[in-house]
Amino acid sequence: MLGVMTNPAHAAGRDQESERAHAVPREAADGPPPWVAVCGSPVAVVQGSWAGRRGLGSAAPCPECARRAPG
């Protein structure tokens, strides 16, 4: 089943180098690390919803993640 492409459920992730927020597929975020964002960036922390203040509402959301996983 390809429901993943239509499922907007993404968690908010953050890389270690910056405060940039990334979208992590919910299925991956619910599992153990390592986590990888939809843009391919590794993330160190997964916390909150991509549609919330730690994701798209943050000061620095990843433009590629925003394009691939709109809130």
PDB file of N, CA and C in Angstrom:
ATOM      1  N   MET A   1       0.835  -1.178   0.000  1.00  0.00           N
ATOM      2  CA  MET A   1       0.000   0.000   0.000  1.00  0.00           C
ATOM      3  C   MET A   1       0.886   1.250   0.000  1.00  0.00           C
ATOM      4  N   LEU A   2       0.514   2.252  -0.759  1.00  0.00           N
ATOM      5  CA  LEU A   2       1.314   3.470  -0.859  1.00  0.00           C
ATOM      6  C   LEU A   2       0.693   4.623  -0.088  1.00  0.00           C
ATOM      7  N   GLY A   3       0.026   4.374   1.005  1.00  0.00           N
ATOM      8  CA  GLY A   3      -0.609   5.410   1.805  1.00  0.00           C
ATOM      9  C   GLY A   3       0.364   6.407   2.391  1.00  0.00           C
ATOM     10  N   VAL A   4       1.646   6.065   2.454  1.00  0.00           N
ATOM     11  CA  VAL A   4       2.649   6.958   3.029  1.00  0.00           C
ATOM     12  C   VAL A   4       2.718   8.267   2.248  1.00  0.00           C
ATOM     13  N   MET A   5       2.553   8.217   0.950  1.00  0.00           N
ATOM     14  CA  MET A   5       2.649   9.421   0.134  1.00  0.00           C
ATOM     15  C   MET A   5       1.492  10.386   0.420  1.00  0.00           C
ATOM     16  N   THR A   6       0.339   9.864   0.832  1.00  0.00           N
ATOM     17  CA  THR A   6      -0.796  10.742   1.076  1.00  0.00           C
ATOM     18  C   THR A   6      -0.977  11.047   2.561  1.00  0.00           C
ATOM     19  N   ASN A   7      -0.194  10.426   3.424  1.00  0.00           N
ATOM     20  CA  ASN A   7      -0.309  10.631   4.861  1.00  0.00           C
ATOM     21  C   ASN A   7       0.544  11.831   5.269  1.00  0.00           C
ATOM     22  N   PRO A   8      -0.091  12.914   5.750  1.00  0.00           N
ATOM     23  CA  PRO A   8       0.677  14.110   6.100  1.00  0.00           C
ATOM     24  C   PRO A   8       1.342  14.038   7.473  1.00  0.00           C
ATOM     25  N   ALA A   9       1.258  12.896   8.140  1.00  0.00           N
ATOM     26  CA  ALA A   9       1.786  12.779   9.505  1.00  0.00           C
ATOM     27  C   ALA A   9       3.308  12.696   9.502  1.00  0.00           C
ATOM     28  N   HIS A  10       3.935  13.801   9.848  1.00  0.00           N
ATOM     29  CA  HIS A  10       5.386  13.861   9.982  1.00  0.00           C
ATOM     30  C   HIS A  10       5.719  14.463  11.338  1.00  0.00           C
ATOM     31  N   ALA A  11       6.798  14.012  11.901  1.00  0.00           N
ATOM     32  CA  ALA A  11       7.296  14.572  13.150  1.00  0.00           C
ATOM     33  C   ALA A  11       8.341  15.631  12.817  1.00  0.00           C
ATOM     34  N   ALA A  12       8.615  16.487  13.778  1.00  0.00           N
ATOM     35  CA  ALA A  12       9.649  17.511  13.603  1.00  0.00           C
ATOM     36  C   ALA A  12      10.971  16.970  14.129  1.00  0.00           C
ATOM     37  N   GLY A  13      12.003  17.085  13.319  1.00  0.00           N
ATOM     38  CA  GLY A  13      13.340  16.672  13.720  1.00  0.00           C
ATOM     39  C   GLY A  13      14.295  17.850  13.615  1.00  0.00           C
ATOM     40  N   ARG A  14      15.435  17.735  14.272  1.00  0.00           N
ATOM     41  CA  ARG A  14      16.430  18.809  14.243  1.00  0.00           C
ATOM     42  C   ARG A  14      17.805  18.179  14.093  1.00  0.00           C
ATOM     43  N   ASP A  15      18.652  18.798  13.269  1.00  0.00           N
ATOM     44  CA  ASP A  15      20.007  18.266  13.114  1.00  0.00           C
ATOM     45  C   ASP A  15      20.927  18.809  14.202  1.00  0.00           C
ATOM     46  N   GLN A  16      22.102  18.225  14.342  1.00  0.00           N
ATOM     47  CA  GLN A  16      23.017  18.644  15.398  1.00  0.00           C
ATOM     48  C   GLN A  16      23.809  19.888  15.051  1.00  0.00           C
ATOM     49  N   GLU A  17      23.983  20.159  13.794  1.00  0.00           N
ATOM     50  CA  GLU A  17      24.805  21.280  13.360  1.00  0.00           C
ATOM     51  C   GLU A  17      24.109  22.636  13.469  1.00  0.00           C
ATOM     52  N   SER A  18      22.789  22.626  13.385  1.00  0.00           N
ATOM     53  CA  SER A  18      22.053  23.894  13.402  1.00  0.00           C
ATOM     54  C   SER A  18      20.713  23.692  14.083  1.00  0.00           C
ATOM     55  N   GLU A  19      19.937  24.724  14.081  1.00  0.00           N
ATOM     56  CA  GLU A  19      18.586  24.643  14.631  1.00  0.00           C
ATOM     57  C   GLU A  19      17.560  24.385  13.536  1.00  0.00           C
ATOM     58  N   ARG A  20      18.006  23.992  12.346  1.00  0.00           N
ATOM     59  CA  ARG A  20      17.106  23.759  11.224  1.00  0.00           C
ATOM     60  C   ARG A  20      16.148  22.616  11.539  1.00  0.00           C
ATOM     61  N   ALA A  21      14.867  22.843  11.325  1.00  0.00           N
ATOM     62  CA  ALA A  21      13.838  21.832  11.542  1.00  0.00           C
ATOM     63  C   ALA A  21      13.645  21.021  10.265  1.00  0.00           C
ATOM     64  N   HIS A  22      13.458  19.728  10.428  1.00  0.00           N
ATOM     65  CA  HIS A  22      13.251  18.809   9.307  1.00  0.00           C
ATOM     66  C   HIS A  22      12.017  17.958   9.555  1.00  0.00           C
ATOM     67  N   ALA A  23      11.384  17.501   8.481  1.00  0.00           N
ATOM     68  CA  ALA A  23      10.236  16.605   8.571  1.00  0.00           C
ATOM     69  C   ALA A  23      10.719  15.165   8.547  1.00  0.00           C
ATOM     70  N   VAL A  24      10.327  14.399   9.548  1.00  0.00           N
ATOM     71  CA  VAL A  24      10.677  12.982   9.641  1.00  0.00           C
ATOM     72  C   VAL A  24       9.383  12.185   9.517  1.00  0.00           C
ATOM     73  N   PRO A  25       9.327  11.220   8.591  1.00  0.00           N
ATOM     74  CA  PRO A  25       8.101  10.416   8.487  1.00  0.00           C
ATOM     75  C   PRO A  25       7.737   9.806   9.837  1.00  0.00           C
ATOM     76  N   ARG A  26       6.463   9.853  10.176  1.00  0.00           N
ATOM     77  CA  ARG A  26       5.990   9.381  11.477  1.00  0.00           C
ATOM     78  C   ARG A  26       6.404   7.930  11.738  1.00  0.00           C
ATOM     79  N   GLU A  27       6.356   7.087  10.718  1.00  0.00           N
ATOM     80  CA  GLU A  27       6.726   5.681  10.896  1.00  0.00           C
ATOM     81  C   GLU A  27       8.172   5.549  11.361  1.00  0.00           C
ATOM     82  N   ALA A  28       9.050   6.370  10.808  1.00  0.00           N
ATOM     83  CA  ALA A  28      10.468   6.345  11.197  1.00  0.00           C
ATOM     84  C   ALA A  28      10.661   6.988  12.564  1.00  0.00           C
ATOM     85  N   ALA A  29       9.950   8.079  12.825  1.00  0.00           N
ATOM     86  CA  ALA A  29      10.109   8.801  14.089  1.00  0.00           C
ATOM     87  C   ALA A  29       9.658   7.970  15.280  1.00  0.00           C
ATOM     88  N   ASP A  30       8.712   7.071  15.068  1.00  0.00           N
ATOM     89  CA  ASP A  30       8.228   6.218  16.145  1.00  0.00           C
ATOM     90  C   ASP A  30       9.202   5.096  16.470  1.00  0.00           C
ATOM     91  N   GLY A  31      10.195   4.902  15.621  1.00  0.00           N
ATOM     92  CA  GLY A  31      11.182   3.852  15.845  1.00  0.00           C
ATOM     93  C   GLY A  31      12.460   4.408  16.453  1.00  0.00           C
ATOM     94  N   PRO A  32      13.446   3.554  16.626  1.00  0.00           N
ATOM     95  CA  PRO A  32      14.709   3.987  17.227  1.00  0.00           C
ATOM     96  C   PRO A  32      15.567   4.773  16.230  1.00  0.00           C
ATOM     97  N   PRO A  33      16.533   5.556  16.731  1.00  0.00           N
ATOM     98  CA  PRO A  33      17.445   6.248  15.821  1.00  0.00           C
ATOM     99  C   PRO A  33      18.319   5.221  15.116  1.00  0.00           C
ATOM    100  N   PRO A  34      18.933   5.570  14.027  1.00  0.00           N
ATOM    101  CA  PRO A  34      19.038   6.921  13.468  1.00  0.00           C
ATOM    102  C   PRO A  34      17.784   7.306  12.700  1.00  0.00           C
ATOM    103  N   TRP A  35      17.486   8.608  12.704  1.00  0.00           N
ATOM    104  CA  TRP A  35      16.345   9.142  11.980  1.00  0.00           C
ATOM    105  C   TRP A  35      16.854   9.940  10.787  1.00  0.00           C
ATOM    106  N   VAL A  36      16.099   9.889   9.710  1.00  0.00           N
ATOM    107  CA  VAL A  36      16.453  10.622   8.494  1.00  0.00           C
ATOM    108  C   VAL A  36      15.223  11.392   8.030  1.00  0.00           C
ATOM    109  N   ALA A  37      15.425  12.661   7.740  1.00  0.00           N
ATOM    110  CA  ALA A  37      14.335  13.527   7.276  1.00  0.00           C
ATOM    111  C   ALA A  37      13.969  13.193   5.834  1.00  0.00           C
ATOM    112  N   VAL A  38      12.835  13.700   5.385  1.00  0.00           N
ATOM    113  CA  VAL A  38      12.386  13.447   4.016  1.00  0.00           C
ATOM    114  C   VAL A  38      13.339  14.031   2.988  1.00  0.00           C
ATOM    115  N   CYS A  39      14.151  15.009   3.379  1.00  0.00           N
ATOM    116  CA  CYS A  39      15.129  15.597   2.468  1.00  0.00           C
ATOM    117  C   CYS A  39      16.439  14.798   2.439  1.00  0.00           C
ATOM    118  N   GLY A  40      16.554  13.785   3.314  1.00  0.00           N
ATOM    119  CA  GLY A  40      17.762  12.974   3.368  1.00  0.00           C
ATOM    120  C   GLY A  40      18.740  13.372   4.453  1.00  0.00           C
ATOM    121  N   SER A  41      18.467  14.443   5.168  1.00  0.00           N
ATOM    122  CA  SER A  41      19.356  14.903   6.242  1.00  0.00           C
ATOM    123  C   SER A  41      19.194  14.037   7.483  1.00  0.00           C
ATOM    124  N   PRO A  42      20.308  13.673   8.121  1.00  0.00           N
ATOM    125  CA  PRO A  42      20.183  12.967   9.399  1.00  0.00           C
ATOM    126  C   PRO A  42      19.739  13.942  10.484  1.00  0.00           C
ATOM    127  N   VAL A  43      18.908  13.479  11.397  1.00  0.00           N
ATOM    128  CA  VAL A  43      18.457  14.322  12.494  1.00  0.00           C
ATOM    129  C   VAL A  43      18.846  13.678  13.826  1.00  0.00           C
ATOM    130  N   ALA A  44      19.142  14.511  14.807  1.00  0.00           N
ATOM    131  CA  ALA A  44      19.596  14.037  16.111  1.00  0.00           C
ATOM    132  C   ALA A  44      18.458  13.960  17.116  1.00  0.00           C
ATOM    133  N   VAL A  45      17.444  14.815  16.934  1.00  0.00           N
ATOM    134  CA  VAL A  45      16.339  14.907  17.881  1.00  0.00           C
ATOM    135  C   VAL A  45      15.033  14.898  17.098  1.00  0.00           C
ATOM    136  N   VAL A  46      14.065  14.117  17.567  1.00  0.00           N
ATOM    137  CA  VAL A  46      12.721  14.127  16.990  1.00  0.00           C
ATOM    138  C   VAL A  46      11.770  14.491  18.112  1.00  0.00           C
ATOM    139  N   GLN A  47      11.036  15.603  17.917  1.00  0.00           N
ATOM    140  CA  GLN A  47      10.169  16.081  18.984  1.00  0.00           C
ATOM    141  C   GLN A  47       9.076  16.952  18.413  1.00  0.00           C
ATOM    142  N   GLY A  48       7.853  16.587  18.627  1.00  0.00           N
ATOM    143  CA  GLY A  48       6.727  17.391  18.188  1.00  0.00           C
ATOM    144  C   GLY A  48       6.269  17.069  16.778  1.00  0.00           C
ATOM    145  N   SER A  49       5.293  17.817  16.337  1.00  0.00           N
ATOM    146  CA  SER A  49       4.691  17.626  15.022  1.00  0.00           C
ATOM    147  C   SER A  49       5.339  18.555  13.994  1.00  0.00           C
ATOM    148  N   TRP A  50       5.507  18.064  12.787  1.00  0.00           N
ATOM    149  CA  TRP A  50       6.049  18.875  11.707  1.00  0.00           C
ATOM    150  C   TRP A  50       5.135  20.069  11.424  1.00  0.00           C
ATOM    151  N   ALA A  51       3.843  19.911  11.614  1.00  0.00           N
ATOM    152  CA  ALA A  51       2.896  21.000  11.361  1.00  0.00           C
ATOM    153  C   ALA A  51       2.859  22.002  12.518  1.00  0.00           C
ATOM    154  N   GLY A  52       3.547  21.718  13.603  1.00  0.00           N
ATOM    155  CA  GLY A  52       3.513  22.580  14.779  1.00  0.00           C
ATOM    156  C   GLY A  52       4.669  23.558  14.875  1.00  0.00           C
ATOM    157  N   ARG A  53       4.845  24.093  16.071  1.00  0.00           N
ATOM    158  CA  ARG A  53       5.848  25.142  16.293  1.00  0.00           C
ATOM    159  C   ARG A  53       7.289  24.657  16.210  1.00  0.00           C
ATOM    160  N   ARG A  54       7.530  23.357  16.353  1.00  0.00           N
ATOM    161  CA  ARG A  54       8.903  22.829  16.249  1.00  0.00           C
ATOM    162  C   ARG A  54       9.257  22.423  14.827  1.00  0.00           C
ATOM    163  N   GLY A  55       8.286  22.461  13.943  1.00  0.00           N
ATOM    164  CA  GLY A  55       8.497  22.099  12.551  1.00  0.00           C
ATOM    165  C   GLY A  55       8.344  23.316  11.650  1.00  0.00           C
ATOM    166  N   LEU A  56       7.242  23.338  10.913  1.00  0.00           N
ATOM    167  CA  LEU A  56       6.989  24.464  10.004  1.00  0.00           C
ATOM    168  C   LEU A  56       6.867  25.796  10.736  1.00  0.00           C
ATOM    169  N   GLY A  57       6.465  25.772  11.995  1.00  0.00           N
ATOM    170  CA  GLY A  57       6.322  27.000  12.766  1.00  0.00           C
ATOM    171  C   GLY A  57       7.614  27.471  13.410  1.00  0.00           C
ATOM    172  N   SER A  58       8.708  26.750  13.204  1.00  0.00           N
ATOM    173  CA  SER A  58       9.986  27.135  13.806  1.00  0.00           C
ATOM    174  C   SER A  58      10.622  28.290  13.046  1.00  0.00           C
ATOM    175  N   ALA A  59      11.694  28.803  13.586  1.00  0.00           N
ATOM    176  CA  ALA A  59      12.399  29.919  12.949  1.00  0.00           C
ATOM    177  C   ALA A  59      13.142  29.495  11.687  1.00  0.00           C
ATOM    178  N   ALA A  60      13.478  28.206  11.567  1.00  0.00           N
ATOM    179  CA  ALA A  60      14.280  27.764  10.426  1.00  0.00           C
ATOM    180  C   ALA A  60      13.847  26.396   9.898  1.00  0.00           C
ATOM    181  N   PRO A  61      12.654  26.307   9.273  1.00  0.00           N
ATOM    182  CA  PRO A  61      12.264  25.026   8.688  1.00  0.00           C
ATOM    183  C   PRO A  61      13.045  24.761   7.398  1.00  0.00           C
ATOM    184  N   CYS A  62      13.375  23.517   7.161  1.00  0.00           N
ATOM    185  CA  CYS A  62      14.092  23.125   5.940  1.00  0.00           C
ATOM    186  C   CYS A  62      13.192  23.361   4.729  1.00  0.00           C
ATOM    187  N   PRO A  63      13.648  24.120   3.745  1.00  0.00           N
ATOM    188  CA  PRO A  63      12.811  24.385   2.570  1.00  0.00           C
ATOM    189  C   PRO A  63      12.482  23.123   1.776  1.00  0.00           C
ATOM    190  N   GLU A  64      13.417  22.186   1.693  1.00  0.00           N
ATOM    191  CA  GLU A  64      13.170  20.942   0.948  1.00  0.00           C
ATOM    192  C   GLU A  64      12.134  20.087   1.679  1.00  0.00           C
ATOM    193  N   CYS A  65      12.218  20.002   3.003  1.00  0.00           N
ATOM    194  CA  CYS A  65      11.220  19.263   3.762  1.00  0.00           C
ATOM    195  C   CYS A  65       9.853  19.926   3.633  1.00  0.00           C
ATOM    196  N   ALA A  66       9.818  21.250   3.662  1.00  0.00           N
ATOM    197  CA  ALA A  66       8.550  21.975   3.519  1.00  0.00           C
ATOM    198  C   ALA A  66       7.924  21.707   2.142  1.00  0.00           C
ATOM    199  N   ARG A  67       8.752  21.564   1.127  1.00  0.00           N
ATOM    200  CA  ARG A  67       8.259  21.280  -0.214  1.00  0.00           C
ATOM    201  C   ARG A  67       7.728  19.846  -0.281  1.00  0.00           C
ATOM    202  N   ARG A  68       8.439  18.904   0.310  1.00  0.00           N
ATOM    203  CA  ARG A  68       8.067  17.489   0.222  1.00  0.00           C
ATOM    204  C   ARG A  68       6.982  17.073   1.214  1.00  0.00           C
ATOM    205  N   ALA A  69       6.883  17.757   2.328  1.00  0.00           N
ATOM    206  CA  ALA A  69       5.923  17.393   3.369  1.00  0.00           C
ATOM    207  C   ALA A  69       5.193  18.634   3.875  1.00  0.00           C
ATOM    208  N   PRO A  70       4.371  19.248   3.021  1.00  0.00           N
ATOM    209  CA  PRO A  70       3.644  20.424   3.476  1.00  0.00           C
ATOM    210  C   PRO A  70       2.739  20.052   4.640  1.00  0.00           C
ATOM    211  N   GLY A  71       2.619  20.944   5.600  1.00  0.00           N
ATOM    212  CA  GLY A  71       1.864  20.707   6.829  1.00  0.00           C
ATOM    213  C   GLY A  71       0.491  20.244   6.590  1.00  0.00           C
TER     214      GLY A  71
END
